[in-house]
Amino acid sequence: MTRADERLQRLLIALPAMADEPKLTIEELAARVGSDAKTLRADFQSLDRDDTPPGFVEGIQLFVGSNTVSMRSSHFKRPMRLTRPEVAALELGLGILEQELPVDERHLVVNVRGRLRDIAVRPVDTVVDKRKTGVTAEATSGVAIEPARDHEWEAVVVLQRAIEHHHVVQLTYHRSSDTVATERRVRPYAMVRANANIYLVAYCERSDALRVFRLDRVRMAVETNDRFERPADFTVESVLQQGHVFVQDAPAVESLDVRYSPTVARWIAERERGELQADGSLLVRYPLADESWAVRHVLQYGPDAVILAPERVRQEMELVLQRILDELPA
């Protein structure tokens, strides 16, 4: 019987090889993988799904002939540049590695982290962003590039050092619901990645409670000499549930109610807890901590997901859809 981990290893070798050399035959590709053509065909066939629901994007298309195999995918052919979430994830991992190395070897990791800044992809302004700032596409000769946010990198370095040394941090933080940034003293416990963002898990002295801060909203982080002791019973899992961050910089006082149609309900039920309805649909209640995430999440399912509450998030969804319709040609 074929083991799933062995099959995954073969595919992880085969797919990039196909992207680099698209004219390889199945026998040649199997030799690269260290297998045979029959086994490799079975590996490719395991990727085929006829019941993929809406909201699940098919990222790779394979075409297998009698002695040929080809692939259509952008995942293995994009420019060798990293997106900001990818750089943030590598930055976090290298920071952990740096802490585990002897002091005289840490400069090697520091050099790599510096190189990451040079290869990161800078985000571009969208059409909606240009409308908000009053800049039209006709007024620009090209796509505007957002300046690099050096304070984010500086915050990562400061926070990682403070976590290692158990030092209190003076944080300047701009919540999505505030018009200006605010100051607060926090005791940083850990940094985690969830929902494509990096979060700081810390005890907020102002709130006198555990809070989670999104790193892209940190405007400044200053390490103090004040020491603290992290609670012995603290775990990162206490603020995460199935990859979602459910503790925020302010408590979630209401829930986001989403109803998934019977078409996608059984897939959603595999990873979310919800209430199965009589018609086969699924009702899921999420702690509402980020309204923009709520809109993005529901949009990916098209007509198979509906926001039931709160009403203002439904209205925000309508505004987003209206902006999309406005962009369509008449």
C-alpha atoms as a PDB file:
ATOM      1  CA  MET A   1       0.000   0.000   0.000  1.00  0.00           C
ATOM      2  CA  THR A   2       1.314   3.445  -0.924  1.00  0.00           C
ATOM      3  CA  ARG A   3       2.138   5.658   2.048  1.00  0.00           C
ATOM      4  CA  ALA A   4       0.846   9.218   1.892  1.00  0.00           C
ATOM      5  CA  ASP A   5       4.129  10.742   3.069  1.00  0.00           C
ATOM      6  CA  GLU A   6       6.113   8.882   0.395  1.00  0.00           C
ATOM      7  CA  ARG A   7       3.639   9.985  -2.289  1.00  0.00           C
ATOM      8  CA  LEU A   8       3.911  13.590  -1.124  1.00  0.00           C
ATOM      9  CA  GLN A   9       7.707  13.467  -1.297  1.00  0.00           C
ATOM     10  CA  ARG A  10       7.587  12.164  -4.877  1.00  0.00           C
ATOM     11  CA  LEU A  11       5.143  14.887  -5.942  1.00  0.00           C
ATOM     12  CA  LEU A  12       7.223  17.615  -4.304  1.00  0.00           C
ATOM     13  CA  ILE A  13      10.168  16.483  -6.424  1.00  0.00           C
ATOM     14  CA  ALA A  14       8.215  15.810  -9.633  1.00  0.00           C
ATOM     15  CA  LEU A  15       6.199  19.041  -9.922  1.00  0.00           C
ATOM     16  CA  PRO A  16       9.146  21.503  -9.759  1.00  0.00           C
ATOM     17  CA  ALA A  17      11.095  19.246 -12.149  1.00  0.00           C
ATOM     18  CA  MET A  18       8.201  19.426 -14.635  1.00  0.00           C
ATOM     19  CA  ALA A  19       8.185  23.204 -14.375  1.00  0.00           C
ATOM     20  CA  ASP A  20      11.945  23.403 -15.051  1.00  0.00           C
ATOM     21  CA  GLU A  21      11.979  20.821 -17.872  1.00  0.00           C
ATOM     22  CA  PRO A  22       8.499  20.554 -19.434  1.00  0.00           C
ATOM     23  CA  LYS A  23       9.629  18.085 -22.154  1.00  0.00           C
ATOM     24  CA  LEU A  24      10.505  15.249 -19.774  1.00  0.00           C
ATOM     25  CA  THR A  25       8.780  11.927 -20.478  1.00  0.00           C
ATOM     26  CA  ILE A  26       7.080  10.013 -17.694  1.00  0.00           C
ATOM     27  CA  GLU A  27       9.968   7.518 -17.568  1.00  0.00           C
ATOM     28  CA  GLU A  28      12.540  10.312 -17.352  1.00  0.00           C
ATOM     29  CA  LEU A  29      10.542  12.104 -14.676  1.00  0.00           C
ATOM     30  CA  ALA A  30      10.093   8.902 -12.682  1.00  0.00           C
ATOM     31  CA  ALA A  31      13.858   8.337 -12.803  1.00  0.00           C
ATOM     32  CA  ARG A  32      14.411  11.834 -11.373  1.00  0.00           C
ATOM     33  CA  VAL A  33      11.991  11.025  -8.576  1.00  0.00           C
ATOM     34  CA  GLY A  34      13.554   7.632  -7.896  1.00  0.00           C
ATOM     35  CA  SER A  35      10.439   5.671  -8.780  1.00  0.00           C
ATOM     36  CA  ASP A  36       8.789   4.052 -11.787  1.00  0.00           C
ATOM     37  CA  ALA A  37       6.286   5.357 -14.332  1.00  0.00           C
ATOM     38  CA  LYS A  38       3.375   3.279 -12.993  1.00  0.00           C
ATOM     39  CA  THR A  39       3.800   4.580  -9.451  1.00  0.00           C
ATOM     40  CA  LEU A  40       4.155   8.159 -10.654  1.00  0.00           C
ATOM     41  CA  ARG A  41       0.960   7.882 -12.721  1.00  0.00           C
ATOM     42  CA  ALA A  42      -0.861   6.721  -9.591  1.00  0.00           C
ATOM     43  CA  ASP A  43       0.574   9.683  -7.696  1.00  0.00           C
ATOM     44  CA  PHE A  44      -0.768  12.105 -10.313  1.00  0.00           C
ATOM     45  CA  GLN A  45      -4.151  10.373 -10.343  1.00  0.00           C
ATOM     46  CA  SER A  46      -4.442  10.858  -6.571  1.00  0.00           C
ATOM     47  CA  LEU A  47      -4.558  14.618  -7.166  1.00  0.00           C
ATOM     48  CA  ASP A  48      -7.682  14.380  -9.312  1.00  0.00           C
ATOM     49  CA  ARG A  49     -10.922  15.427  -7.590  1.00  0.00           C
ATOM     50  CA  ASP A  50     -14.311  15.683  -9.263  1.00  0.00           C
ATOM     51  CA  ASP A  51     -16.130  17.087  -6.237  1.00  0.00           C
ATOM     52  CA  THR A  52     -14.090  20.186  -5.496  1.00  0.00           C
ATOM     53  CA  PRO A  53     -16.501  22.766  -4.026  1.00  0.00           C
ATOM     54  CA  PRO A  54     -16.572  26.544  -4.614  1.00  0.00           C
ATOM     55  CA  GLY A  55     -13.988  28.429  -2.574  1.00  0.00           C
ATOM     56  CA  PHE A  56     -11.316  25.785  -3.270  1.00  0.00           C
ATOM     57  CA  VAL A  57      -9.031  26.923  -6.086  1.00  0.00           C
ATOM     58  CA  GLU A  58      -7.445  24.342  -8.371  1.00  0.00           C
ATOM     59  CA  GLY A  59      -3.832  25.485  -8.426  1.00  0.00           C
ATOM     60  CA  ILE A  60      -2.323  22.756 -10.628  1.00  0.00           C
ATOM     61  CA  GLN A  61      -3.570  21.108 -13.828  1.00  0.00           C
ATOM     62  CA  LEU A  62      -1.861  17.908 -14.995  1.00  0.00           C
ATOM     63  CA  PHE A  63      -2.081  16.369 -18.471  1.00  0.00           C
ATOM     64  CA  VAL A  64      -0.881  12.767 -18.602  1.00  0.00           C
ATOM     65  CA  GLY A  65      -0.489  11.017 -21.977  1.00  0.00           C
ATOM     66  CA  SER A  66       0.774   7.597 -22.968  1.00  0.00           C
ATOM     67  CA  ASN A  67       4.389   8.634 -22.505  1.00  0.00           C
ATOM     68  CA  THR A  68       4.183  12.349 -21.825  1.00  0.00           C
ATOM     69  CA  VAL A  69       3.199  14.499 -18.906  1.00  0.00           C
ATOM     70  CA  SER A  70       2.759  18.264 -18.671  1.00  0.00           C
ATOM     71  CA  MET A  71       1.601  20.732 -16.071  1.00  0.00           C
ATOM     72  CA  ARG A  72      -0.151  24.097 -16.035  1.00  0.00           C
ATOM     73  CA  SER A  73       0.476  26.088 -12.874  1.00  0.00           C
ATOM     74  CA  SER A  74       1.787  29.475 -11.822  1.00  0.00           C
ATOM     75  CA  HIS A  75       3.056  28.226  -8.471  1.00  0.00           C
ATOM     76  CA  PHE A  76       6.370  26.956  -9.828  1.00  0.00           C
ATOM     77  CA  LYS A  77       6.983  29.595 -12.485  1.00  0.00           C
ATOM     78  CA  ARG A  78       6.558  32.897 -10.712  1.00  0.00           C
ATOM     79  CA  PRO A  79       9.578  35.243 -10.387  1.00  0.00           C
ATOM     80  CA  MET A  80      11.957  34.313  -7.619  1.00  0.00           C
ATOM     81  CA  ARG A  81      10.677  36.992  -5.260  1.00  0.00           C
ATOM     82  CA  LEU A  82       8.918  36.519  -1.953  1.00  0.00           C
ATOM     83  CA  THR A  83       5.588  38.013  -0.897  1.00  0.00           C
ATOM     84  CA  ARG A  84       5.370  39.914   2.368  1.00  0.00           C
ATOM     85  CA  PRO A  85       3.613  37.075   4.261  1.00  0.00           C
ATOM     86  CA  GLU A  86       6.286  34.647   3.049  1.00  0.00           C
ATOM     87  CA  VAL A  87       9.061  36.969   4.185  1.00  0.00           C
ATOM     88  CA  ALA A  88       7.360  37.456   7.554  1.00  0.00           C
ATOM     89  CA  ALA A  89       7.116  33.693   8.041  1.00  0.00           C
ATOM     90  CA  LEU A  90      10.792  33.204   7.154  1.00  0.00           C
ATOM     91  CA  GLU A  91      11.731  36.126   9.395  1.00  0.00           C
ATOM     92  CA  LEU A  92       9.920  34.533  12.317  1.00  0.00           C
ATOM     93  CA  GLY A  93      11.504  31.139  11.724  1.00  0.00           C
ATOM     94  CA  LEU A  94      15.002  32.594  11.365  1.00  0.00           C
ATOM     95  CA  GLY A  95      14.460  34.594  14.546  1.00  0.00           C
ATOM     96  CA  ILE A  96      13.708  31.398  16.434  1.00  0.00           C
ATOM     97  CA  LEU A  97      16.784  29.733  14.885  1.00  0.00           C
ATOM     98  CA  GLU A  98      18.939  32.706  15.870  1.00  0.00           C
ATOM     99  CA  GLN A  99      17.913  32.299  19.494  1.00  0.00           C
ATOM    100  CA  GLU A 100      18.922  28.631  19.474  1.00  0.00           C
ATOM    101  CA  LEU A 101      22.419  29.223  18.026  1.00  0.00           C
ATOM    102  CA  PRO A 102      25.517  30.101  20.072  1.00  0.00           C
ATOM    103  CA  VAL A 103      26.159  33.831  20.289  1.00  0.00           C
ATOM    104  CA  ASP A 104      29.249  33.688  18.050  1.00  0.00           C
ATOM    105  CA  GLU A 105      27.238  32.013  15.248  1.00  0.00           C
ATOM    106  CA  ARG A 106      24.165  34.260  15.263  1.00  0.00           C
ATOM    107  CA  HIS A 107      25.667  36.728  12.790  1.00  0.00           C
ATOM    108  CA  LEU A 108      25.112  34.150  10.025  1.00  0.00           C
ATOM    109  CA  VAL A 109      21.352  34.232  10.573  1.00  0.00           C
ATOM    110  CA  VAL A 110      21.382  38.019  10.943  1.00  0.00           C
ATOM    111  CA  ASN A 111      22.955  38.304   7.474  1.00  0.00           C
ATOM    112  CA  VAL A 112      20.272  36.064   5.955  1.00  0.00           C
ATOM    113  CA  ARG A 113      17.509  38.085   7.586  1.00  0.00           C
ATOM    114  CA  GLY A 114      19.010  41.213   6.057  1.00  0.00           C
ATOM    115  CA  ARG A 115      18.982  39.654   2.605  1.00  0.00           C
ATOM    116  CA  LEU A 116      15.290  38.839   2.986  1.00  0.00           C
ATOM    117  CA  ARG A 117      14.455  42.535   2.973  1.00  0.00           C
ATOM    118  CA  ASP A 118      16.086  42.924  -0.427  1.00  0.00           C
ATOM    119  CA  ILE A 119      14.061  40.166  -2.121  1.00  0.00           C
ATOM    120  CA  ALA A 120      10.631  40.934  -0.616  1.00  0.00           C
ATOM    121  CA  VAL A 121       7.868  41.952  -3.024  1.00  0.00           C
ATOM    122  CA  ARG A 122       6.444  45.351  -2.239  1.00  0.00           C
ATOM    123  CA  PRO A 123       2.638  45.591  -2.425  1.00  0.00           C
ATOM    124  CA  VAL A 124       1.013  47.720  -5.121  1.00  0.00           C
ATOM    125  CA  ASP A 125      -1.879  50.133  -4.909  1.00  0.00           C
ATOM    126  CA  THR A 126      -5.208  48.682  -6.015  1.00  0.00           C
ATOM    127  CA  VAL A 127      -7.865  50.499  -8.003  1.00  0.00           C
ATOM    128  CA  VAL A 128      -9.908  50.942  -4.832  1.00  0.00           C
ATOM    129  CA  ASP A 129      -6.881  52.399  -2.990  1.00  0.00           C
ATOM    130  CA  LYS A 130      -6.373  54.918  -5.775  1.00  0.00           C
ATOM    131  CA  ARG A 131     -10.033  55.957  -5.567  1.00  0.00           C
ATOM    132  CA  LYS A 132      -9.728  56.537  -1.843  1.00  0.00           C
ATOM    133  CA  THR A 133      -6.663  58.749  -2.314  1.00  0.00           C
ATOM    134  CA  GLY A 134      -8.090  60.579  -5.301  1.00  0.00           C
ATOM    135  CA  VAL A 135      -5.478  59.223  -7.731  1.00  0.00           C
ATOM    136  CA  THR A 136      -6.882  57.809 -10.969  1.00  0.00           C
ATOM    137  CA  ALA A 137      -5.285  55.303 -13.297  1.00  0.00           C
ATOM    138  CA  GLU A 138      -5.135  57.980 -16.030  1.00  0.00           C
ATOM    139  CA  ALA A 139      -3.078  60.237 -13.776  1.00  0.00           C
ATOM    140  CA  THR A 140      -0.394  57.617 -13.224  1.00  0.00           C
ATOM    141  CA  SER A 141       2.134  56.396 -15.755  1.00  0.00           C
ATOM    142  CA  GLY A 142       2.527  53.081 -13.966  1.00  0.00           C
ATOM    143  CA  VAL A 143       1.525  51.152 -10.896  1.00  0.00           C
ATOM    144  CA  ALA A 144       2.390  52.995  -7.696  1.00  0.00           C
ATOM    145  CA  ILE A 145       4.636  51.134  -5.278  1.00  0.00           C
ATOM    146  CA  GLU A 146       4.026  51.308  -1.555  1.00  0.00           C
ATOM    147  CA  PRO A 147       7.181  52.295   0.374  1.00  0.00           C
ATOM    148  CA  ALA A 148       8.733  49.581   2.502  1.00  0.00           C
ATOM    149  CA  ARG A 149       7.525  49.692   6.094  1.00  0.00           C
ATOM    150  CA  ASP A 150      10.823  49.620   7.949  1.00  0.00           C
ATOM    151  CA  HIS A 151       9.073  49.941  11.317  1.00  0.00           C
ATOM    152  CA  GLU A 152       7.639  46.442  10.850  1.00  0.00           C
ATOM    153  CA  TRP A 153      11.102  44.942  10.485  1.00  0.00           C
ATOM    154  CA  GLU A 154      12.396  46.958  13.414  1.00  0.00           C
ATOM    155  CA  ALA A 155       9.470  45.775  15.536  1.00  0.00           C
ATOM    156  CA  VAL A 156      10.190  42.117  14.713  1.00  0.00           C
ATOM    157  CA  VAL A 157      13.794  42.460  15.876  1.00  0.00           C
ATOM    158  CA  VAL A 158      12.858  44.327  19.051  1.00  0.00           C
ATOM    159  CA  LEU A 159      10.058  41.942  19.972  1.00  0.00           C
ATOM    160  CA  GLN A 160      12.098  38.803  19.375  1.00  0.00           C
ATOM    161  CA  ARG A 161      14.860  40.177  21.598  1.00  0.00           C
ATOM    162  CA  ALA A 162      12.373  41.195  24.289  1.00  0.00           C
ATOM    163  CA  ILE A 163      10.760  37.739  24.255  1.00  0.00           C
ATOM    164  CA  GLU A 164      14.180  36.132  24.690  1.00  0.00           C
ATOM    165  CA  HIS A 165      15.239  38.454  27.519  1.00  0.00           C
ATOM    166  CA  HIS A 166      11.802  38.681  29.193  1.00  0.00           C
ATOM    167  CA  HIS A 167      11.743  42.473  28.899  1.00  0.00           C
ATOM    168  CA  VAL A 168       8.627  44.687  28.904  1.00  0.00           C
ATOM    169  CA  VAL A 169       8.003  46.556  25.620  1.00  0.00           C
ATOM    170  CA  GLN A 170       6.538  50.019  25.115  1.00  0.00           C
ATOM    171  CA  LEU A 171       4.227  49.500  22.145  1.00  0.00           C
ATOM    172  CA  THR A 172       2.726  52.087  19.800  1.00  0.00           C
ATOM    173  CA  TYR A 173      -0.262  50.342  18.254  1.00  0.00           C
ATOM    174  CA  HIS A 174      -2.942  51.441  15.773  1.00  0.00           C
ATOM    175  CA  ARG A 175      -6.132  49.400  16.043  1.00  0.00           C
ATOM    176  CA  SER A 176      -8.393  49.242  12.995  1.00  0.00           C
ATOM    177  CA  SER A 177     -11.195  50.888  14.971  1.00  0.00           C
ATOM    178  CA  ASP A 178      -9.032  53.827  16.210  1.00  0.00           C
ATOM    179  CA  THR A 179      -8.227  57.034  14.357  1.00  0.00           C
ATOM    180  CA  VAL A 180      -4.813  57.414  16.017  1.00  0.00           C
ATOM    181  CA  ALA A 181      -2.222  55.066  17.473  1.00  0.00           C
ATOM    182  CA  THR A 182      -2.092  54.529  21.237  1.00  0.00           C
ATOM    183  CA  GLU A 183       0.693  53.707  23.697  1.00  0.00           C
ATOM    184  CA  ARG A 184       0.702  50.690  25.966  1.00  0.00           C
ATOM    185  CA  ARG A 185       3.153  48.560  27.961  1.00  0.00           C
ATOM    186  CA  VAL A 186       3.092  44.864  27.116  1.00  0.00           C
ATOM    187  CA  ARG A 187       4.885  41.731  28.282  1.00  0.00           C
ATOM    188  CA  PRO A 188       5.642  39.804  25.073  1.00  0.00           C
ATOM    189  CA  TYR A 189       5.155  36.041  25.378  1.00  0.00           C
ATOM    190  CA  ALA A 190       5.405  34.764  21.789  1.00  0.00           C
ATOM    191  CA  MET A 191       4.924  35.550  18.101  1.00  0.00           C
ATOM    192  CA  VAL A 192       2.710  33.277  16.012  1.00  0.00           C
ATOM    193  CA  ARG A 193       1.559  33.046  12.412  1.00  0.00           C
ATOM    194  CA  ALA A 194      -2.122  32.584  11.607  1.00  0.00           C
ATOM    195  CA  ASN A 195      -4.452  33.630   8.769  1.00  0.00           C
ATOM    196  CA  ALA A 196      -1.434  34.868   6.744  1.00  0.00           C
ATOM    197  CA  ASN A 197      -0.525  37.400   9.451  1.00  0.00           C
ATOM    198  CA  ILE A 198       2.076  37.568  12.201  1.00  0.00           C
ATOM    199  CA  TYR A 199       0.710  38.205  15.702  1.00  0.00           C
ATOM    200  CA  LEU A 200       2.325  39.181  18.980  1.00  0.00           C
ATOM    201  CA  VAL A 201       0.886  37.369  21.987  1.00  0.00           C
ATOM    202  CA  ALA A 202       1.447  39.579  25.023  1.00  0.00           C
ATOM    203  CA  TYR A 203       0.074  40.565  28.409  1.00  0.00           C
ATOM    204  CA  CYS A 204      -1.222  44.143  28.155  1.00  0.00           C
ATOM    205  CA  GLU A 205      -0.708  46.056  31.405  1.00  0.00           C
ATOM    206  CA  ARG A 206      -3.322  48.647  30.435  1.00  0.00           C
ATOM    207  CA  SER A 207      -6.007  46.013  29.839  1.00  0.00           C
ATOM    208  CA  ASP A 208      -4.680  43.765  32.620  1.00  0.00           C
ATOM    209  CA  ALA A 209      -5.265  40.759  30.337  1.00  0.00           C
ATOM    210  CA  LEU A 210      -3.733  38.643  27.606  1.00  0.00           C
ATOM    211  CA  ARG A 211      -4.032  40.255  24.182  1.00  0.00           C
ATOM    212  CA  VAL A 212      -2.924  39.527  20.602  1.00  0.00           C
ATOM    213  CA  PHE A 213      -1.575  42.336  18.393  1.00  0.00           C
ATOM    214  CA  ARG A 214      -1.245  42.202  14.614  1.00  0.00           C
ATOM    215  CA  LEU A 215       2.326  43.013  13.694  1.00  0.00           C
ATOM    216  CA  ASP A 216       1.433  45.176  10.685  1.00  0.00           C
ATOM    217  CA  ARG A 217      -0.439  47.514  13.061  1.00  0.00           C
ATOM    218  CA  VAL A 218       2.554  48.023  15.350  1.00  0.00           C
ATOM    219  CA  ARG A 219       3.946  51.498  14.660  1.00  0.00           C
ATOM    220  CA  MET A 220       6.839  51.317  17.118  1.00  0.00           C
ATOM    221  CA  ALA A 221       8.232  48.884  19.685  1.00  0.00           C
ATOM    222  CA  VAL A 222      10.766  49.972  22.305  1.00  0.00           C
ATOM    223  CA  GLU A 223      12.386  47.424  24.599  1.00  0.00           C
ATOM    224  CA  THR A 224      12.698  48.495  28.248  1.00  0.00           C
ATOM    225  CA  ASN A 225      14.929  47.118  31.010  1.00  0.00           C
ATOM    226  CA  ASP A 226      11.927  46.048  33.095  1.00  0.00           C
ATOM    227  CA  ARG A 227      11.837  42.260  33.434  1.00  0.00           C
ATOM    228  CA  PHE A 228       8.786  40.024  33.717  1.00  0.00           C
ATOM    229  CA  GLU A 229       8.151  36.337  34.232  1.00  0.00           C
ATOM    230  CA  ARG A 230       5.996  34.494  31.742  1.00  0.00           C
ATOM    231  CA  PRO A 231       3.298  32.375  33.434  1.00  0.00           C
ATOM    232  CA  ALA A 232       4.282  28.721  33.644  1.00  0.00           C
ATOM    233  CA  ASP A 233       0.873  27.635  32.323  1.00  0.00           C
ATOM    234  CA  PHE A 234       0.970  29.873  29.210  1.00  0.00           C
ATOM    235  CA  THR A 235       0.558  28.119  25.860  1.00  0.00           C
ATOM    236  CA  VAL A 236       0.181  29.525  22.364  1.00  0.00           C
ATOM    237  CA  GLU A 237      -2.701  27.105  21.826  1.00  0.00           C
ATOM    238  CA  SER A 238      -4.702  29.106  24.372  1.00  0.00           C
ATOM    239  CA  VAL A 239      -5.097  31.911  21.833  1.00  0.00           C
ATOM    240  CA  LEU A 240      -5.458  29.760  18.718  1.00  0.00           C
ATOM    241  CA  GLN A 241      -8.199  27.451  17.541  1.00  0.00           C
ATOM    242  CA  GLN A 242      -7.799  25.562  14.266  1.00  0.00           C
ATOM    243  CA  GLY A 243      -5.371  28.189  12.988  1.00  0.00           C
ATOM    244  CA  HIS A 244      -7.568  31.197  13.848  1.00  0.00           C
ATOM    245  CA  VAL A 245      -6.582  33.860  16.355  1.00  0.00           C
ATOM    246  CA  PHE A 246      -9.490  34.256  18.772  1.00  0.00           C
ATOM    247  CA  VAL A 247      -7.928  36.693  21.244  1.00  0.00           C
ATOM    248  CA  GLN A 248      -7.366  40.200  19.941  1.00  0.00           C
ATOM    249  CA  ASP A 249      -6.077  43.561  21.158  1.00  0.00           C
ATOM    250  CA  ALA A 250      -9.643  44.091  22.371  1.00  0.00           C
ATOM    251  CA  PRO A 251     -12.115  41.366  23.329  1.00  0.00           C
ATOM    252  CA  ALA A 252     -14.532  40.264  20.632  1.00  0.00           C
ATOM    253  CA  VAL A 253     -17.922  41.273  21.978  1.00  0.00           C
ATOM    254  CA  GLU A 254     -19.990  39.932  19.100  1.00  0.00           C
ATOM    255  CA  SER A 255     -19.956  37.091  16.624  1.00  0.00           C
ATOM    256  CA  LEU A 256     -19.922  36.797  12.853  1.00  0.00           C
ATOM    257  CA  ASP A 257     -22.727  34.443  11.786  1.00  0.00           C
ATOM    258  CA  VAL A 258     -22.179  32.796   8.403  1.00  0.00           C
ATOM    259  CA  ARG A 259     -24.474  30.285   6.719  1.00  0.00           C
ATOM    260  CA  TYR A 260     -22.830  27.922   4.206  1.00  0.00           C
ATOM    261  CA  SER A 261     -24.997  26.278   1.566  1.00  0.00           C
ATOM    262  CA  PRO A 262     -25.440  22.482   1.425  1.00  0.00           C
ATOM    263  CA  THR A 263     -23.042  22.485  -1.544  1.00  0.00           C
ATOM    264  CA  VAL A 264     -20.028  23.361   0.644  1.00  0.00           C
ATOM    265  CA  ALA A 265     -21.345  22.564   4.128  1.00  0.00           C
ATOM    266  CA  ARG A 266     -19.657  19.205   4.529  1.00  0.00           C
ATOM    267  CA  TRP A 267     -16.246  20.624   3.607  1.00  0.00           C
ATOM    268  CA  ILE A 268     -16.629  23.519   6.023  1.00  0.00           C
ATOM    269  CA  ALA A 269     -17.718  21.095   8.770  1.00  0.00           C
ATOM    270  CA  GLU A 270     -14.380  19.279   8.422  1.00  0.00           C
ATOM    271  CA  ARG A 271     -12.508  22.289   9.813  1.00  0.00           C
ATOM    272  CA  GLU A 272     -15.111  24.454  11.574  1.00  0.00           C
ATOM    273  CA  ARG A 273     -17.600  23.774  14.341  1.00  0.00           C
ATOM    274  CA  GLY A 274     -21.130  24.720  13.411  1.00  0.00           C
ATOM    275  CA  GLU A 275     -24.816  23.929  13.581  1.00  0.00           C
ATOM    276  CA  LEU A 276     -26.160  21.718  10.784  1.00  0.00           C
ATOM    277  CA  GLN A 277     -29.513  23.025   9.548  1.00  0.00           C
ATOM    278  CA  ALA A 278     -32.492  20.982   8.354  1.00  0.00           C
ATOM    279  CA  ASP A 279     -31.872  21.928   4.708  1.00  0.00           C
ATOM    280  CA  GLY A 280     -28.253  20.689   4.872  1.00  0.00           C
ATOM    281  CA  SER A 281     -26.676  24.112   5.269  1.00  0.00           C
ATOM    282  CA  LEU A 282     -24.213  24.881   8.073  1.00  0.00           C
ATOM    283  CA  LEU A 283     -24.313  27.842  10.460  1.00  0.00           C
ATOM    284  CA  VAL A 284     -20.924  28.859  11.874  1.00  0.00           C
ATOM    285  CA  ARG A 285     -20.335  31.558  14.482  1.00  0.00           C
ATOM    286  CA  TYR A 286     -16.902  33.194  14.543  1.00  0.00           C
ATOM    287  CA  PRO A 287     -15.711  35.677  17.182  1.00  0.00           C
ATOM    288  CA  LEU A 288     -15.724  38.937  15.220  1.00  0.00           C
ATOM    289  CA  ALA A 289     -12.284  40.458  15.668  1.00  0.00           C
ATOM    290  CA  ASP A 290     -11.497  41.655  12.123  1.00  0.00           C
ATOM    291  CA  GLU A 291     -14.304  42.848   9.848  1.00  0.00           C
ATOM    292  CA  SER A 292     -12.102  43.038   6.755  1.00  0.00           C
ATOM    293  CA  TRP A 293     -11.163  39.373   7.233  1.00  0.00           C
ATOM    294  CA  ALA A 294     -14.859  38.519   7.537  1.00  0.00           C
ATOM    295  CA  VAL A 295     -15.649  40.103   4.163  1.00  0.00           C
ATOM    296  CA  ARG A 296     -12.679  38.469   2.424  1.00  0.00           C
ATOM    297  CA  HIS A 297     -13.509  35.079   3.907  1.00  0.00           C
ATOM    298  CA  VAL A 298     -17.143  35.067   2.805  1.00  0.00           C
ATOM    299  CA  LEU A 299     -16.437  36.477  -0.661  1.00  0.00           C
ATOM    300  CA  GLN A 300     -14.330  33.465  -1.642  1.00  0.00           C
ATOM    301  CA  TYR A 301     -17.388  31.190  -1.463  1.00  0.00           C
ATOM    302  CA  GLY A 302     -19.544  33.330  -3.752  1.00  0.00           C
ATOM    303  CA  PRO A 303     -23.259  32.527  -3.419  1.00  0.00           C
ATOM    304  CA  ASP A 304     -22.516  29.555  -1.137  1.00  0.00           C
ATOM    305  CA  ALA A 305     -21.833  31.718   1.924  1.00  0.00           C
ATOM    306  CA  VAL A 306     -24.105  34.392   3.405  1.00  0.00           C
ATOM    307  CA  ILE A 307     -23.458  36.751   6.314  1.00  0.00           C
ATOM    308  CA  LEU A 308     -26.415  36.656   8.684  1.00  0.00           C
ATOM    309  CA  ALA A 309     -25.064  39.015  11.333  1.00  0.00           C
ATOM    310  CA  PRO A 310     -24.033  41.621  12.223  1.00  0.00           C
ATOM    311  CA  GLU A 311     -25.871  43.895   9.831  1.00  0.00           C
ATOM    312  CA  ARG A 312     -23.003  46.387   9.368  1.00  0.00           C
ATOM    313  CA  VAL A 313     -20.736  43.634   8.038  1.00  0.00           C
ATOM    314  CA  ARG A 314     -23.493  42.646   5.577  1.00  0.00           C
ATOM    315  CA  GLN A 315     -23.572  46.270   4.439  1.00  0.00           C
ATOM    316  CA  GLU A 316     -19.784  46.337   4.070  1.00  0.00           C
ATOM    317  CA  MET A 317     -20.046  43.246   1.900  1.00  0.00           C
ATOM    318  CA  GLU A 318     -22.618  45.015  -0.281  1.00  0.00           C
ATOM    319  CA  LEU A 319     -20.270  48.000  -0.694  1.00  0.00           C
ATOM    320  CA  VAL A 320     -17.419  45.734  -1.768  1.00  0.00           C
ATOM    321  CA  LEU A 321     -19.630  43.966  -4.306  1.00  0.00           C
ATOM    322  CA  GLN A 322     -20.892  47.297  -5.612  1.00  0.00           C
ATOM    323  CA  ARG A 323     -17.321  48.501  -6.147  1.00  0.00           C
ATOM    324  CA  ILE A 324     -16.611  45.334  -8.110  1.00  0.00           C
ATOM    325  CA  LEU A 325     -19.694  45.910 -10.279  1.00  0.00           C
ATOM    326  CA  ASP A 326     -18.641  49.520 -10.880  1.00  0.00           C
ATOM    327  CA  GLU A 327     -15.350  48.280 -12.313  1.00  0.00           C
ATOM    328  CA  LEU A 328     -17.058  46.069 -14.900  1.00  0.00           C
ATOM    329  CA  PRO A 329     -17.356  47.495 -18.412  1.00  0.00           C
ATOM    330  CA  ALA A 330     -20.793  48.885 -19.267  1.00  0.00           C
END
